[in-house]
Amino acid sequence: MTSPEPESGLNRGELARYAGRVGERWPLERAVLGGARVADLHGAPEQRERGSEYVVVLVSGAFDGMPWLQRVYHAANLWDASEMGARADVHCYTPGELERKVVSLRVVREAVGSGVDLLAVQ
């Protein structure tokens, strides 16, 4: 098991591997990591409702026509909770679905607005 990089507080190696595993199955247009641990890195106060430790938002046109639960099930099974220290709340959307979910779901809006770009993680 690898440890998180001290300067980031995130296991960037595992995040890059996760994005790679997902990208092998579906061509990703966007992949963002949010959640309580990312908020911690941005200086969120300790006294707050934490919510999910990790929130992953995956965007691919290849999700079109695939049932939402099937997408989420497969993408969530690719997440290595033992490497990351917690499970992830995974959201899988087509680009059009993402536009609607950013408006209607706070957790998705926050992840997309201030999360870590998983496609840029090395």
N, C-alpha and C. Protein backbone atom coordinates (compact mmCIF):
# COMPACT_ATOMS: atom_id res chain seq x y z
N MET A 1 0.85 -1.18 0.00
CA MET A 1 0.00 0.00 0.00
C MET A 1 0.89 1.23 0.00
N THR A 2 0.59 2.19 -0.88
CA THR A 2 1.37 3.42 -0.94
C THR A 2 0.73 4.45 -0.03
N SER A 3 1.54 5.37 0.42
CA SER A 3 1.00 6.40 1.31
C SER A 3 0.75 7.69 0.53
N PRO A 4 -0.12 8.54 1.06
CA PRO A 4 -0.39 9.81 0.39
C PRO A 4 0.86 10.67 0.36
N GLU A 5 0.96 11.49 -0.65
CA GLU A 5 2.07 12.44 -0.71
C GLU A 5 1.81 13.50 0.35
N PRO A 6 2.83 13.80 1.18
CA PRO A 6 2.59 14.71 2.29
C PRO A 6 2.14 16.10 1.89
N GLU A 7 2.63 16.62 0.75
CA GLU A 7 2.27 17.98 0.38
C GLU A 7 0.83 18.10 -0.11
N SER A 8 0.25 17.02 -0.53
CA SER A 8 -1.10 17.11 -1.06
C SER A 8 -2.14 16.52 -0.12
N GLY A 9 -1.74 15.57 0.71
CA GLY A 9 -2.70 14.90 1.56
C GLY A 9 -3.53 13.88 0.80
N LEU A 10 -3.28 13.73 -0.49
CA LEU A 10 -4.00 12.77 -1.32
C LEU A 10 -3.01 11.77 -1.92
N ASN A 11 -3.46 10.58 -2.13
CA ASN A 11 -2.64 9.56 -2.78
C ASN A 11 -2.74 9.78 -4.29
N ARG A 12 -1.92 10.68 -4.78
CA ARG A 12 -2.00 11.07 -6.19
C ARG A 12 -1.68 9.92 -7.13
N GLY A 13 -0.79 9.03 -6.73
CA GLY A 13 -0.48 7.87 -7.56
C GLY A 13 -1.71 6.99 -7.76
N GLU A 14 -2.42 6.72 -6.69
CA GLU A 14 -3.64 5.90 -6.80
C GLU A 14 -4.73 6.64 -7.56
N LEU A 15 -4.83 7.95 -7.37
CA LEU A 15 -5.82 8.72 -8.12
C LEU A 15 -5.56 8.63 -9.63
N ALA A 16 -4.29 8.72 -10.02
CA ALA A 16 -3.94 8.60 -11.43
C ALA A 16 -4.25 7.19 -11.94
N ARG A 17 -3.96 6.17 -11.14
CA ARG A 17 -4.27 4.80 -11.54
C ARG A 17 -5.78 4.60 -11.68
N TYR A 18 -6.55 5.17 -10.76
CA TYR A 18 -8.01 5.07 -10.84
C TYR A 18 -8.52 5.70 -12.13
N ALA A 19 -8.07 6.90 -12.42
CA ALA A 19 -8.49 7.57 -13.66
C ALA A 19 -8.11 6.71 -14.87
N GLY A 20 -6.96 6.08 -14.81
CA GLY A 20 -6.55 5.19 -15.90
C GLY A 20 -7.44 3.97 -16.04
N ARG A 21 -7.78 3.36 -14.91
CA ARG A 21 -8.66 2.18 -14.94
C ARG A 21 -10.03 2.54 -15.53
N VAL A 22 -10.57 3.67 -15.10
CA VAL A 22 -11.88 4.10 -15.62
C VAL A 22 -11.75 4.45 -17.11
N GLY A 23 -10.68 5.18 -17.44
CA GLY A 23 -10.48 5.60 -18.82
C GLY A 23 -10.28 4.45 -19.79
N GLU A 24 -9.82 3.31 -19.30
CA GLU A 24 -9.70 2.13 -20.17
C GLU A 24 -11.06 1.60 -20.58
N ARG A 25 -12.07 1.84 -19.75
CA ARG A 25 -13.42 1.34 -20.03
C ARG A 25 -14.28 2.34 -20.78
N TRP A 26 -14.14 3.61 -20.43
CA TRP A 26 -14.92 4.68 -21.05
C TRP A 26 -13.99 5.86 -21.32
N PRO A 27 -14.01 6.43 -22.52
CA PRO A 27 -13.19 7.62 -22.77
C PRO A 27 -13.74 8.79 -21.93
N LEU A 28 -12.92 9.28 -21.03
CA LEU A 28 -13.37 10.33 -20.11
C LEU A 28 -13.14 11.72 -20.70
N GLU A 29 -14.16 12.54 -20.60
CA GLU A 29 -14.04 13.93 -20.99
C GLU A 29 -13.68 14.78 -19.78
N ARG A 30 -14.06 14.28 -18.62
CA ARG A 30 -13.79 15.00 -17.38
C ARG A 30 -13.84 14.00 -16.23
N ALA A 31 -12.97 14.19 -15.25
CA ALA A 31 -12.96 13.38 -14.04
C ALA A 31 -12.49 14.27 -12.90
N VAL A 32 -13.34 14.44 -11.89
CA VAL A 32 -13.07 15.39 -10.81
C VAL A 32 -13.24 14.70 -9.47
N LEU A 33 -12.34 15.01 -8.54
CA LEU A 33 -12.43 14.49 -7.18
C LEU A 33 -12.77 15.64 -6.24
N GLY A 34 -13.83 15.45 -5.47
CA GLY A 34 -14.23 16.40 -4.44
C GLY A 34 -14.47 15.64 -3.15
N GLY A 35 -15.22 16.23 -2.26
CA GLY A 35 -15.54 15.58 -1.00
C GLY A 35 -14.83 16.22 0.18
N ALA A 36 -15.04 15.63 1.34
CA ALA A 36 -14.53 16.20 2.59
C ALA A 36 -13.01 16.30 2.62
N ARG A 37 -12.32 15.31 2.09
CA ARG A 37 -10.85 15.35 2.14
C ARG A 37 -10.28 16.43 1.24
N VAL A 38 -10.92 16.68 0.12
CA VAL A 38 -10.49 17.77 -0.75
C VAL A 38 -10.81 19.10 -0.08
N ALA A 39 -11.98 19.20 0.54
CA ALA A 39 -12.34 20.43 1.26
C ALA A 39 -11.35 20.69 2.39
N ASP A 40 -10.90 19.64 3.08
CA ASP A 40 -9.88 19.79 4.13
C ASP A 40 -8.62 20.45 3.57
N LEU A 41 -8.21 20.02 2.38
CA LEU A 41 -7.01 20.58 1.76
C LEU A 41 -7.19 22.06 1.40
N HIS A 42 -8.44 22.45 1.16
CA HIS A 42 -8.75 23.84 0.83
C HIS A 42 -9.01 24.67 2.09
N GLY A 43 -8.78 24.08 3.27
CA GLY A 43 -8.90 24.85 4.51
C GLY A 43 -10.29 24.90 5.12
N ALA A 44 -11.13 23.94 4.80
CA ALA A 44 -12.49 23.92 5.39
C ALA A 44 -12.37 23.75 6.91
N PRO A 45 -13.24 24.38 7.66
CA PRO A 45 -13.18 24.28 9.12
C PRO A 45 -13.52 22.86 9.60
N GLU A 46 -12.94 22.48 10.74
CA GLU A 46 -13.18 21.15 11.29
C GLU A 46 -14.62 20.97 11.73
N GLN A 47 -15.23 22.01 12.27
CA GLN A 47 -16.61 21.94 12.76
C GLN A 47 -17.57 22.15 11.59
N ARG A 48 -17.86 21.06 10.91
CA ARG A 48 -18.79 21.11 9.78
C ARG A 48 -19.33 19.72 9.53
N GLU A 49 -20.40 19.66 8.77
CA GLU A 49 -20.90 18.37 8.32
C GLU A 49 -19.99 17.91 7.19
N ARG A 50 -19.30 16.80 7.40
CA ARG A 50 -18.28 16.37 6.44
C ARG A 50 -18.85 15.83 5.13
N GLY A 51 -19.91 15.08 5.20
CA GLY A 51 -20.39 14.43 3.99
C GLY A 51 -19.45 13.32 3.58
N SER A 52 -19.49 12.92 2.32
CA SER A 52 -18.63 11.85 1.82
C SER A 52 -17.18 12.28 1.85
N GLU A 53 -16.32 11.35 2.23
CA GLU A 53 -14.88 11.64 2.24
C GLU A 53 -14.38 11.97 0.84
N TYR A 54 -14.84 11.19 -0.14
CA TYR A 54 -14.47 11.42 -1.54
C TYR A 54 -15.73 11.41 -2.39
N VAL A 55 -15.80 12.35 -3.31
CA VAL A 55 -16.86 12.40 -4.31
C VAL A 55 -16.15 12.43 -5.66
N VAL A 56 -16.47 11.48 -6.51
CA VAL A 56 -15.87 11.40 -7.84
C VAL A 56 -16.96 11.68 -8.86
N VAL A 57 -16.68 12.62 -9.76
CA VAL A 57 -17.61 12.93 -10.85
C VAL A 57 -16.90 12.57 -12.15
N LEU A 58 -17.46 11.60 -12.87
CA LEU A 58 -16.90 11.14 -14.13
C LEU A 58 -17.85 11.54 -15.26
N VAL A 59 -17.28 12.04 -16.34
CA VAL A 59 -18.10 12.50 -17.46
C VAL A 59 -17.59 11.84 -18.74
N SER A 60 -18.51 11.17 -19.43
CA SER A 60 -18.16 10.52 -20.70
C SER A 60 -19.39 10.42 -21.58
N GLY A 61 -19.23 10.71 -22.84
CA GLY A 61 -20.30 10.51 -23.80
C GLY A 61 -20.64 9.03 -23.95
N ALA A 62 -19.69 8.16 -23.61
CA ALA A 62 -19.91 6.72 -23.70
C ALA A 62 -20.94 6.21 -22.70
N PHE A 63 -21.28 7.03 -21.69
CA PHE A 63 -22.32 6.63 -20.74
C PHE A 63 -23.72 6.72 -21.35
N ASP A 64 -23.83 7.41 -22.47
CA ASP A 64 -25.14 7.57 -23.10
C ASP A 64 -25.73 6.20 -23.45
N GLY A 65 -26.95 5.97 -23.02
CA GLY A 65 -27.62 4.70 -23.28
C GLY A 65 -27.35 3.63 -22.24
N MET A 66 -26.39 3.86 -21.35
CA MET A 66 -26.08 2.90 -20.30
C MET A 66 -26.85 3.29 -19.04
N PRO A 67 -27.54 2.36 -18.41
CA PRO A 67 -28.27 2.70 -17.18
C PRO A 67 -27.34 3.31 -16.13
N TRP A 68 -27.84 4.34 -15.45
CA TRP A 68 -27.03 5.09 -14.49
C TRP A 68 -26.45 4.18 -13.40
N LEU A 69 -27.26 3.30 -12.84
CA LEU A 69 -26.77 2.42 -11.77
C LEU A 69 -25.67 1.49 -12.26
N GLN A 70 -25.76 1.05 -13.48
CA GLN A 70 -24.72 0.18 -14.04
C GLN A 70 -23.40 0.94 -14.16
N ARG A 71 -23.45 2.18 -14.64
CA ARG A 71 -22.24 3.01 -14.75
C ARG A 71 -21.58 3.16 -13.39
N VAL A 72 -22.40 3.57 -12.41
CA VAL A 72 -21.89 3.85 -11.07
C VAL A 72 -21.33 2.59 -10.44
N TYR A 73 -22.03 1.49 -10.58
CA TYR A 73 -21.57 0.22 -10.00
C TYR A 73 -20.18 -0.13 -10.52
N HIS A 74 -20.01 -0.09 -11.83
CA HIS A 74 -18.72 -0.48 -12.41
C HIS A 74 -17.62 0.52 -12.06
N ALA A 75 -17.90 1.80 -12.13
CA ALA A 75 -16.89 2.81 -11.82
C ALA A 75 -16.51 2.78 -10.33
N ALA A 76 -17.49 2.57 -9.47
CA ALA A 76 -17.21 2.51 -8.03
C ALA A 76 -16.38 1.28 -7.68
N ASN A 77 -16.58 0.18 -8.39
CA ASN A 77 -15.80 -1.02 -8.13
C ASN A 77 -14.34 -0.88 -8.54
N LEU A 78 -14.04 0.11 -9.36
CA LEU A 78 -12.65 0.36 -9.76
C LEU A 78 -11.90 1.20 -8.73
N TRP A 79 -12.63 1.83 -7.80
CA TRP A 79 -12.03 2.66 -6.73
C TRP A 79 -11.41 1.74 -5.69
N ASP A 80 -10.18 2.01 -5.29
CA ASP A 80 -9.49 1.20 -4.29
C ASP A 80 -9.57 1.91 -2.94
N ALA A 81 -10.58 1.56 -2.16
CA ALA A 81 -10.80 2.21 -0.86
C ALA A 81 -9.66 1.95 0.10
N SER A 82 -9.02 0.80 0.02
CA SER A 82 -7.92 0.53 0.94
C SER A 82 -6.72 1.43 0.64
N GLU A 83 -6.49 1.73 -0.62
CA GLU A 83 -5.40 2.64 -0.99
C GLU A 83 -5.73 4.09 -0.63
N MET A 84 -7.00 4.46 -0.77
CA MET A 84 -7.41 5.84 -0.56
C MET A 84 -7.86 6.12 0.87
N GLY A 85 -8.10 5.09 1.65
CA GLY A 85 -8.49 5.30 3.04
C GLY A 85 -9.97 5.50 3.27
N ALA A 86 -10.77 5.45 2.22
CA ALA A 86 -12.22 5.60 2.35
C ALA A 86 -12.87 5.28 1.00
N ARG A 87 -14.14 4.95 1.07
CA ARG A 87 -14.91 4.72 -0.15
C ARG A 87 -15.21 6.06 -0.82
N ALA A 88 -15.61 5.97 -2.07
CA ALA A 88 -15.98 7.18 -2.82
C ALA A 88 -17.44 7.13 -3.21
N ASP A 89 -18.06 8.28 -3.21
CA ASP A 89 -19.40 8.47 -3.74
C ASP A 89 -19.20 8.82 -5.22
N VAL A 90 -19.47 7.87 -6.11
CA VAL A 90 -19.15 8.02 -7.53
C VAL A 90 -20.39 8.44 -8.32
N HIS A 91 -20.22 9.46 -9.16
CA HIS A 91 -21.27 9.96 -10.03
C HIS A 91 -20.78 9.86 -11.46
N CYS A 92 -21.57 9.25 -12.34
CA CYS A 92 -21.19 9.07 -13.74
C CYS A 92 -22.25 9.71 -14.63
N TYR A 93 -21.83 10.69 -15.43
CA TYR A 93 -22.78 11.43 -16.25
C TYR A 93 -22.28 11.62 -17.68
N THR A 94 -23.22 11.78 -18.58
CA THR A 94 -22.89 12.28 -19.91
C THR A 94 -22.69 13.79 -19.76
N PRO A 95 -22.10 14.46 -20.75
CA PRO A 95 -21.94 15.92 -20.63
C PRO A 95 -23.26 16.65 -20.39
N GLY A 96 -24.32 16.25 -21.07
CA GLY A 96 -25.62 16.89 -20.88
C GLY A 96 -26.18 16.65 -19.48
N GLU A 97 -26.02 15.44 -18.98
CA GLU A 97 -26.49 15.14 -17.63
C GLU A 97 -25.73 15.96 -16.60
N LEU A 98 -24.41 16.12 -16.82
CA LEU A 98 -23.61 16.91 -15.88
C LEU A 98 -24.13 18.33 -15.77
N GLU A 99 -24.47 18.94 -16.90
CA GLU A 99 -25.00 20.31 -16.87
C GLU A 99 -26.20 20.42 -15.94
N ARG A 100 -27.09 19.44 -16.00
CA ARG A 100 -28.28 19.46 -15.14
C ARG A 100 -27.93 19.17 -13.69
N LYS A 101 -27.01 18.24 -13.45
CA LYS A 101 -26.68 17.85 -12.08
C LYS A 101 -25.90 18.94 -11.35
N VAL A 102 -25.11 19.72 -12.06
CA VAL A 102 -24.39 20.82 -11.43
C VAL A 102 -25.39 21.82 -10.84
N VAL A 103 -26.52 21.98 -11.50
CA VAL A 103 -27.56 22.88 -11.02
C VAL A 103 -28.34 22.26 -9.86
N SER A 104 -28.63 20.97 -9.96
CA SER A 104 -29.55 20.35 -9.00
C SER A 104 -28.90 19.65 -7.81
N LEU A 105 -27.63 19.28 -7.89
CA LEU A 105 -26.97 18.55 -6.79
C LEU A 105 -25.77 19.33 -6.25
N ARG A 106 -25.87 19.77 -5.01
CA ARG A 106 -24.80 20.55 -4.39
C ARG A 106 -23.46 19.81 -4.38
N VAL A 107 -23.48 18.53 -4.06
CA VAL A 107 -22.24 17.77 -3.97
C VAL A 107 -21.52 17.72 -5.33
N VAL A 108 -22.27 17.62 -6.41
CA VAL A 108 -21.67 17.62 -7.74
C VAL A 108 -21.17 19.02 -8.08
N ARG A 109 -21.96 20.03 -7.77
CA ARG A 109 -21.57 21.43 -8.03
C ARG A 109 -20.26 21.76 -7.31
N GLU A 110 -20.15 21.36 -6.04
CA GLU A 110 -18.93 21.64 -5.27
C GLU A 110 -17.73 20.88 -5.81
N ALA A 111 -17.91 19.62 -6.17
CA ALA A 111 -16.80 18.85 -6.72
C ALA A 111 -16.30 19.45 -8.03
N VAL A 112 -17.23 19.78 -8.91
CA VAL A 112 -16.86 20.35 -10.21
C VAL A 112 -16.26 21.75 -10.02
N GLY A 113 -16.77 22.51 -9.07
CA GLY A 113 -16.30 23.88 -8.87
C GLY A 113 -14.95 24.00 -8.21
N SER A 114 -14.63 23.10 -7.30
CA SER A 114 -13.36 23.26 -6.56
C SER A 114 -12.61 21.96 -6.35
N GLY A 115 -12.94 20.94 -7.13
CA GLY A 115 -12.30 19.64 -6.96
C GLY A 115 -10.97 19.53 -7.68
N VAL A 116 -10.38 18.35 -7.55
CA VAL A 116 -9.10 18.02 -8.16
C VAL A 116 -9.38 17.38 -9.52
N ASP A 117 -8.74 17.88 -10.56
CA ASP A 117 -8.89 17.33 -11.90
C ASP A 117 -8.10 16.03 -11.98
N LEU A 118 -8.80 14.90 -12.01
CA LEU A 118 -8.13 13.60 -12.02
C LEU A 118 -7.41 13.31 -13.32
N LEU A 119 -7.80 13.96 -14.38
CA LEU A 119 -7.11 13.73 -15.65
C LEU A 119 -5.76 14.45 -15.70
N ALA A 120 -5.55 15.38 -14.78
CA ALA A 120 -4.28 16.12 -14.73
C ALA A 120 -3.36 15.58 -13.64
N VAL A 121 -3.86 14.68 -12.79
CA VAL A 121 -3.06 14.14 -11.68
C VAL A 121 -2.01 13.19 -12.23
N GLN A 122 -0.80 13.33 -11.71
CA GLN A 122 0.30 12.45 -12.14
C GLN A 122 0.93 11.79 -10.96
